[in-house]
Amino acid sequence: MLNEIKHIQAHAELLHSECEVEAALDKMAEQINHLLADRTPLILCVLNGGIIAAGKLLTRLTMPLNIDSINASRYRNQTAGGTIEWVLKPATPLKDRTVLIIDDVLDEGITLAAIQQYCLGQGATSVYSAVLVDKIMDHEKPAHADFVGLSVPNRYLFGYGMDYKGYLRNAAGIYACKANEEPSYDNSIYD
């Protein structure tokens, strides 16, 4: 496995440098600070991919806030998504709260839609979402992010929270696997 990971990393295409990603995070934070300035949101970090985006955004947000996490996984370190598994639900009550969901990537939007519905079902008064990367798809998604850092083509990505088989989340930049090395997946089940 280590040889495969090293090979993928060595041959990947850099789509956005660390500098470009940090600038996108600055812009997202500015938009969030403007919209939620008079609220005390509950930030829900979507595990595991959202850890880096959430951590980077949190230090840029200026309003009082609370932090919790949620893990509704379709991948479990695989390259294709399946049914949603609720691994972790927030410990903080959502009733009468403004919730900001932060995740690394918006692919098909299935997981984000499920998390948004969960929050509303728990009594949240409003639910916003922020994603570092929004993949450009050729069809409508069931959920859209309110705050988007970067839009990218529909490719297999890693870095800044996104992974390749559970690895490379910590890559400083956003990379795409070479087209002939991308894991095969069915876009109809990919989140």
Protein backbone atom coordinates (compact mmCIF):
# COMPACT_ATOMS: atom_id res chain seq x y z
CA MET A 1 0.00 0.00 0.00
CA LEU A 2 2.83 2.42 0.84
CA ASN A 3 4.29 2.08 -2.66
CA GLU A 4 0.87 2.77 -4.19
CA ILE A 5 0.42 5.90 -2.06
CA LYS A 6 3.90 7.18 -2.91
CA HIS A 7 3.27 6.55 -6.62
CA ILE A 8 -0.08 8.38 -6.58
CA GLN A 9 1.44 11.32 -4.71
CA ALA A 10 4.46 11.55 -7.01
CA HIS A 11 2.41 11.51 -10.21
CA ALA A 12 -0.61 13.62 -9.17
CA GLU A 13 -1.51 16.92 -10.80
CA LEU A 14 -1.50 19.97 -8.54
CA LEU A 15 -4.82 21.76 -9.14
CA HIS A 16 -4.50 24.40 -6.39
CA SER A 17 -1.38 25.35 -4.45
CA GLU A 18 -1.35 25.85 -0.70
CA CYS A 19 -1.30 29.62 -1.32
CA GLU A 20 -4.40 29.43 -3.53
CA VAL A 21 -6.25 27.28 -1.00
CA GLU A 22 -5.39 29.63 1.87
CA ALA A 23 -6.66 32.60 -0.18
CA ALA A 24 -9.92 30.71 -0.81
CA LEU A 25 -10.24 30.05 2.94
CA ASP A 26 -9.74 33.77 3.61
CA LYS A 27 -12.56 34.62 1.19
CA MET A 28 -14.87 31.99 2.69
CA ALA A 29 -14.21 33.29 6.21
CA GLU A 30 -14.95 36.84 5.12
CA GLN A 31 -18.31 35.74 3.69
CA ILE A 32 -19.18 33.67 6.78
CA ASN A 33 -18.19 36.51 9.13
CA HIS A 34 -20.43 38.89 7.19
CA LEU A 35 -23.48 36.61 7.10
CA LEU A 36 -23.26 35.19 10.63
CA ALA A 37 -21.85 38.26 12.42
CA ASP A 38 -24.87 38.69 14.69
CA ARG A 39 -25.31 34.98 15.52
CA THR A 40 -23.51 32.46 17.69
CA PRO A 41 -23.36 29.48 15.36
CA LEU A 42 -22.67 25.88 16.19
CA ILE A 43 -19.93 24.72 13.84
CA LEU A 44 -20.30 21.07 12.83
CA CYS A 45 -17.10 19.63 11.43
CA VAL A 46 -17.81 16.69 9.14
CA LEU A 47 -15.32 13.97 10.03
CA ASN A 48 -12.84 13.00 8.80
CA GLY A 49 -12.41 15.09 5.69
CA GLY A 50 -13.66 18.36 7.16
CA ILE A 51 -11.04 18.50 9.93
CA ILE A 52 -8.51 20.57 7.99
CA ALA A 53 -11.03 22.94 6.39
CA ALA A 54 -12.79 23.46 9.74
CA GLY A 55 -9.54 24.02 11.61
CA LYS A 56 -8.33 26.53 9.04
CA LEU A 57 -11.67 28.38 8.97
CA LEU A 58 -12.20 28.47 12.74
CA THR A 59 -9.18 30.68 13.35
CA ARG A 60 -10.53 33.14 10.77
CA LEU A 61 -14.06 33.41 12.19
CA THR A 62 -14.71 36.39 14.44
CA MET A 63 -18.12 35.70 16.03
CA PRO A 64 -18.64 33.73 19.26
CA LEU A 65 -19.28 30.10 18.32
CA ASN A 66 -19.43 26.52 19.55
CA ILE A 67 -17.78 23.53 17.91
CA ASP A 68 -18.93 19.93 17.55
CA SER A 69 -18.56 17.20 14.96
CA ILE A 70 -20.61 14.79 12.93
CA ASN A 71 -19.63 11.76 10.90
CA ALA A 72 -22.04 10.52 8.29
CA SER A 73 -19.82 8.40 6.11
CA ARG A 74 -20.38 6.84 2.71
CA TYR A 75 -16.74 5.89 2.10
CA ARG A 76 -14.97 4.48 5.18
CA ASN A 77 -11.59 4.89 3.38
CA GLN A 78 -12.92 3.33 0.18
CA THR A 79 -12.90 4.97 -3.24
CA ALA A 80 -16.64 4.62 -3.85
CA GLY A 81 -19.57 5.61 -1.67
CA GLY A 82 -22.28 3.35 -0.36
CA THR A 83 -25.17 3.89 2.02
CA ILE A 84 -24.83 6.54 4.73
CA GLU A 85 -23.57 5.25 8.04
CA TRP A 86 -24.08 7.55 11.05
CA VAL A 87 -20.78 7.02 12.84
CA LEU A 88 -21.04 10.06 15.15
CA LYS A 89 -23.83 12.50 15.92
CA PRO A 90 -23.19 15.84 17.66
CA ALA A 91 -23.33 15.92 21.46
CA THR A 92 -24.44 19.57 21.43
CA PRO A 93 -28.22 20.07 21.16
CA LEU A 94 -29.15 21.59 17.79
CA LYS A 95 -32.58 22.90 18.81
CA ASP A 96 -32.96 26.63 18.15
CA ARG A 97 -29.36 26.92 16.89
CA THR A 98 -27.81 28.32 13.75
CA VAL A 99 -25.63 25.51 12.41
CA LEU A 100 -22.70 25.83 10.03
CA ILE A 101 -21.60 22.50 8.55
CA ILE A 102 -17.97 22.48 7.34
CA ASP A 103 -16.67 19.77 5.02
CA ASP A 104 -13.79 19.25 2.62
CA VAL A 105 -15.58 18.45 -0.63
CA LEU A 106 -19.04 18.51 -2.14
CA ASP A 107 -19.28 15.73 -4.71
CA GLU A 108 -22.78 14.42 -5.40
CA GLY A 109 -24.27 16.19 -2.36
CA ILE A 110 -25.94 13.11 -0.88
CA THR A 111 -24.10 13.21 2.46
CA LEU A 112 -24.50 16.98 2.83
CA ALA A 113 -28.24 16.71 2.12
CA ALA A 114 -28.56 14.00 4.79
CA ILE A 115 -26.65 16.07 7.36
CA GLN A 116 -28.72 19.17 6.59
CA GLN A 117 -31.95 17.18 7.05
CA TYR A 118 -30.63 15.70 10.29
CA CYS A 119 -29.89 19.19 11.68
CA LEU A 120 -33.32 20.52 10.71
CA GLY A 121 -34.93 17.41 12.17
CA GLN A 122 -33.14 18.12 15.46
CA GLY A 123 -34.69 21.60 15.58
CA ALA A 124 -31.96 23.84 14.16
CA THR A 125 -33.43 27.21 13.18
CA SER A 126 -31.08 27.58 10.21
CA VAL A 127 -28.46 25.40 8.58
CA TYR A 128 -25.62 26.70 6.43
CA SER A 129 -22.81 24.77 4.83
CA ALA A 130 -19.25 25.56 3.83
CA VAL A 131 -17.11 23.32 1.63
CA LEU A 132 -13.54 23.88 0.63
CA VAL A 133 -14.08 22.26 -2.78
CA ASP A 134 -17.20 21.92 -4.91
CA LYS A 135 -16.88 19.45 -7.78
CA ILE A 136 -18.44 20.55 -11.05
CA MET A 137 -20.92 17.86 -12.10
CA ASP A 138 -23.02 17.47 -15.21
CA HIS A 139 -26.23 17.11 -13.20
CA GLU A 140 -28.13 18.78 -10.36
CA LYS A 141 -27.09 17.97 -6.79
CA PRO A 142 -29.57 17.44 -3.92
CA ALA A 143 -27.63 19.94 -1.77
CA HIS A 144 -25.57 23.04 -2.45
CA ALA A 145 -23.06 24.76 -0.19
CA ASP A 146 -23.63 28.33 0.96
CA PHE A 147 -19.90 29.02 1.08
CA VAL A 148 -17.49 27.48 -1.45
CA GLY A 149 -13.73 27.90 -1.53
CA LEU A 150 -12.88 26.44 -4.93
CA SER A 151 -14.69 24.75 -7.81
CA VAL A 152 -12.88 21.90 -9.51
CA PRO A 153 -13.55 19.39 -12.28
CA ASN A 154 -15.01 16.03 -11.32
CA ARG A 155 -11.71 14.23 -10.66
CA TYR A 156 -10.40 12.04 -7.86
CA LEU A 157 -8.82 14.51 -5.40
CA PHE A 158 -6.61 14.45 -2.33
CA GLY A 159 -5.11 17.02 0.03
CA TYR A 160 -6.54 19.53 2.52
CA GLY A 161 -8.74 16.83 4.05
CA MET A 162 -9.58 14.84 0.94
CA ASP A 163 -8.01 11.40 0.85
CA TYR A 164 -6.79 8.62 -1.34
CA LYS A 165 -7.79 5.35 0.39
CA GLY A 166 -7.48 7.04 3.80
CA TYR A 167 -4.08 8.63 3.06
CA LEU A 168 -2.81 11.99 1.81
CA ARG A 169 -5.40 14.14 3.64
CA ASN A 170 -2.44 16.18 4.91
CA ALA A 171 -1.08 17.13 1.47
CA ALA A 172 -0.48 20.89 1.31
CA GLY A 173 -2.45 21.66 -1.81
CA ILE A 174 -5.29 20.10 -3.77
CA TYR A 175 -4.21 17.36 -6.12
CA ALA A 176 -5.94 15.20 -8.72
CA CYS A 177 -4.87 11.69 -9.53
CA LYS A 178 -3.74 11.28 -13.11
CA ALA A 179 -6.71 10.29 -15.26
CA ASN A 180 -5.33 6.83 -15.98
CA GLU A 181 -4.62 6.26 -12.25
CA GLU A 182 -7.91 7.41 -10.78
CA PRO A 183 -9.76 4.68 -8.90
CA SER A 184 -12.81 3.65 -10.87
CA TYR A 185 -16.08 4.69 -9.34
CA ASP A 186 -19.67 5.03 -10.34
CA ASN A 187 -20.65 8.71 -10.12
CA SER A 188 -24.20 7.70 -9.28
CA ILE A 189 -23.02 6.44 -5.88
CA TYR A 190 -20.08 8.80 -5.36
CA ASP A 191 -20.61 11.54 -2.79
